[in-house]
């Protein structure tokens, strides 16, 4: 017997800090929103907002909201390039910005202009902690990276 459903219920609200079901719901909501963005911009925006608000509620409820620091308005260089995606909270990301992952890693956003595919041009340098990682993977539900104020990069326990 195979599973047949007409409806599938998603619940992005976390019951604990490591709620895999809520994480899966937020990932599915974001994927669906991206798939329909061209035909229903309003619904796509509402779904992304709902997923983001559920994530923010989780961060505050379970005492990890200190990882969220608003981005400063200082510009590091004239006319920095803007990444094609926002950070996990929906803020724009610019070349040279510092971002912080959910696990506390802090890195600097940079672009490799010689790469022709835009989605593969943007990276985050975490220093000696690991090789540079693709920005798109960093701002998703798994790592949940957000733009932060300039601050010294702290050593990360590996």
Protein backbone atom coordinates (compact mmCIF):
# COMPACT_ATOMS: atom_id res chain seq x y z
CA UNK A 1 0.00 0.00 0.00
CA UNK A 2 1.42 3.38 -0.93
CA UNK A 3 0.89 6.63 0.86
CA UNK A 4 -1.59 8.90 -0.93
CA UNK A 5 -2.33 12.36 0.36
CA UNK A 6 -4.23 15.31 -0.90
CA UNK A 7 -2.86 17.62 1.80
CA UNK A 8 0.39 17.69 3.72
CA UNK A 9 0.60 19.73 6.92
CA UNK A 10 3.78 21.62 7.73
CA UNK A 11 4.53 23.06 11.16
CA UNK A 12 7.56 25.38 11.20
CA UNK A 13 7.29 26.07 14.96
CA UNK A 14 10.04 24.34 16.97
CA UNK A 15 9.27 22.33 20.09
CA UNK A 16 12.97 22.16 20.99
CA UNK A 17 16.22 23.70 19.74
CA UNK A 18 17.02 20.71 17.50
CA UNK A 19 13.48 20.01 16.17
CA UNK A 20 14.11 18.18 12.88
CA UNK A 21 10.41 18.21 11.90
CA UNK A 22 10.17 21.99 12.25
CA UNK A 23 13.42 22.40 10.30
CA UNK A 24 12.09 20.13 7.54
CA UNK A 25 8.87 22.18 7.46
CA UNK A 26 10.77 25.47 7.08
CA UNK A 27 12.97 24.00 4.33
CA UNK A 28 9.88 22.72 2.47
CA UNK A 29 8.10 26.06 2.84
CA UNK A 30 11.09 27.95 1.43
CA UNK A 31 11.46 25.50 -1.46
CA UNK A 32 7.75 25.77 -2.31
CA UNK A 33 7.90 29.58 -2.07
CA UNK A 34 10.85 29.66 -4.46
CA UNK A 35 9.04 27.34 -6.90
CA UNK A 36 5.91 29.54 -7.05
CA UNK A 37 7.61 32.95 -6.83
CA UNK A 38 7.18 33.58 -10.57
CA UNK A 39 3.43 32.95 -10.51
CA UNK A 40 2.43 34.05 -7.00
CA UNK A 41 4.90 36.54 -5.50
CA UNK A 42 2.58 37.45 -2.62
CA UNK A 43 2.13 33.86 -1.39
CA UNK A 44 5.86 33.17 -1.80
CA UNK A 45 6.69 36.20 0.35
CA UNK A 46 4.12 35.20 2.99
CA UNK A 47 5.53 31.66 3.20
CA UNK A 48 9.10 32.91 3.53
CA UNK A 49 8.01 35.39 6.21
CA UNK A 50 6.18 32.65 8.13
CA UNK A 51 9.23 30.36 8.02
CA UNK A 52 11.56 33.22 9.07
CA UNK A 53 9.29 34.29 11.95
CA UNK A 54 9.07 30.68 13.20
CA UNK A 55 12.87 30.47 13.12
CA UNK A 56 13.23 33.78 14.99
CA UNK A 57 10.74 32.58 17.61
CA UNK A 58 12.85 29.43 18.05
CA UNK A 59 15.99 31.49 18.50
CA UNK A 60 14.38 33.63 21.21
CA UNK A 61 12.50 30.79 22.93
CA UNK A 62 15.56 28.59 23.33
CA UNK A 63 17.94 31.36 24.36
CA UNK A 64 20.17 31.60 21.31
CA UNK A 65 18.98 34.99 20.10
CA UNK A 66 22.38 36.42 21.02
CA UNK A 67 23.57 35.01 17.68
CA UNK A 68 21.41 37.61 15.95
CA UNK A 69 23.10 40.99 15.70
CA UNK A 70 21.70 43.63 13.37
CA UNK A 71 23.88 44.60 10.43
CA UNK A 72 25.60 47.94 10.66
CA UNK A 73 25.11 50.54 7.96
CA UNK A 74 28.85 51.02 7.48
CA UNK A 75 30.15 50.28 3.99
CA UNK A 76 33.57 48.71 3.69
CA UNK A 77 34.30 49.82 0.14
CA UNK A 78 32.59 52.01 -2.43
CA UNK A 79 29.86 50.28 -4.42
CA UNK A 80 30.15 46.75 -2.99
CA UNK A 81 28.46 44.07 -5.08
CA UNK A 82 25.20 42.63 -3.71
CA UNK A 83 24.70 38.87 -3.55
CA UNK A 84 21.71 37.46 -5.46
CA UNK A 85 20.25 36.04 -2.21
CA UNK A 86 19.49 37.61 1.17
CA UNK A 87 20.81 36.25 4.46
CA UNK A 88 18.60 33.89 6.49
CA UNK A 89 16.65 36.85 7.93
CA UNK A 90 16.07 38.46 4.54
CA UNK A 91 18.76 41.17 4.78
CA UNK A 92 20.86 41.96 1.69
CA UNK A 93 24.41 40.57 1.62
CA UNK A 94 27.27 42.59 0.15
CA UNK A 95 30.79 41.69 -0.83
CA UNK A 96 32.95 42.14 2.28
CA UNK A 97 30.11 41.64 4.80
CA UNK A 98 30.66 39.49 7.88
CA UNK A 99 28.14 36.69 8.39
CA UNK A 100 27.58 34.38 11.35
CA UNK A 101 26.27 30.85 11.10
CA UNK A 102 23.95 29.30 13.67
CA UNK A 103 26.89 27.33 15.10
CA UNK A 104 28.80 30.59 15.73
CA UNK A 105 31.29 30.51 12.87
CA UNK A 106 31.99 33.99 11.49
CA UNK A 107 33.25 34.55 7.97
CA UNK A 108 33.70 37.20 5.30
CA UNK A 109 31.69 37.18 2.07
CA UNK A 110 33.67 37.42 -1.16
CA UNK A 111 33.08 36.89 -4.87
CA UNK A 112 35.10 34.99 -7.46
CA UNK A 113 34.27 37.02 -10.57
CA UNK A 114 36.07 34.64 -12.93
CA UNK A 115 33.36 32.01 -12.34
CA UNK A 116 30.60 32.51 -14.91
CA UNK A 117 27.72 30.85 -12.99
CA UNK A 118 26.37 33.51 -10.61
CA UNK A 119 25.14 30.97 -8.06
CA UNK A 120 28.68 29.59 -7.77
CA UNK A 121 30.53 32.96 -7.60
CA UNK A 122 29.71 33.87 -3.99
CA UNK A 123 31.70 32.38 -1.10
CA UNK A 124 32.37 32.80 2.61
CA UNK A 125 35.91 32.68 3.99
CA UNK A 126 36.03 31.28 7.53
CA UNK A 127 39.81 31.57 7.76
CA UNK A 128 41.78 28.49 8.75
CA UNK A 129 38.71 26.80 10.29
CA UNK A 130 37.65 25.34 6.93
CA UNK A 131 37.92 25.96 3.18
CA UNK A 132 35.81 28.72 1.67
CA UNK A 133 32.16 27.65 1.39
CA UNK A 134 29.47 28.59 -1.15
CA UNK A 135 27.34 31.46 0.19
CA UNK A 136 24.06 29.94 -0.99
CA UNK A 137 24.59 26.91 1.27
CA UNK A 138 25.45 29.12 4.23
CA UNK A 139 22.24 31.21 4.23
CA UNK A 140 19.84 28.24 4.08
CA UNK A 141 18.00 26.46 6.88
CA UNK A 142 20.94 24.26 7.84
CA UNK A 143 23.53 26.96 8.66
CA UNK A 144 21.14 29.95 8.92
CA UNK A 145 23.86 32.57 8.36
CA UNK A 146 23.00 36.22 9.01
CA UNK A 147 24.88 39.45 8.27
CA UNK A 148 26.39 40.93 11.43
CA UNK A 149 28.20 44.09 12.51
CA UNK A 150 31.93 44.19 11.94
CA UNK A 151 33.59 42.39 14.80
CA UNK A 152 36.81 40.51 15.33
CA UNK A 153 36.61 36.92 14.13
CA UNK A 154 36.71 34.66 17.17
CA UNK A 155 38.39 31.31 17.21
CA UNK A 156 35.98 28.48 16.52
CA UNK A 157 36.24 25.14 18.29
CA UNK A 158 36.26 22.32 15.77
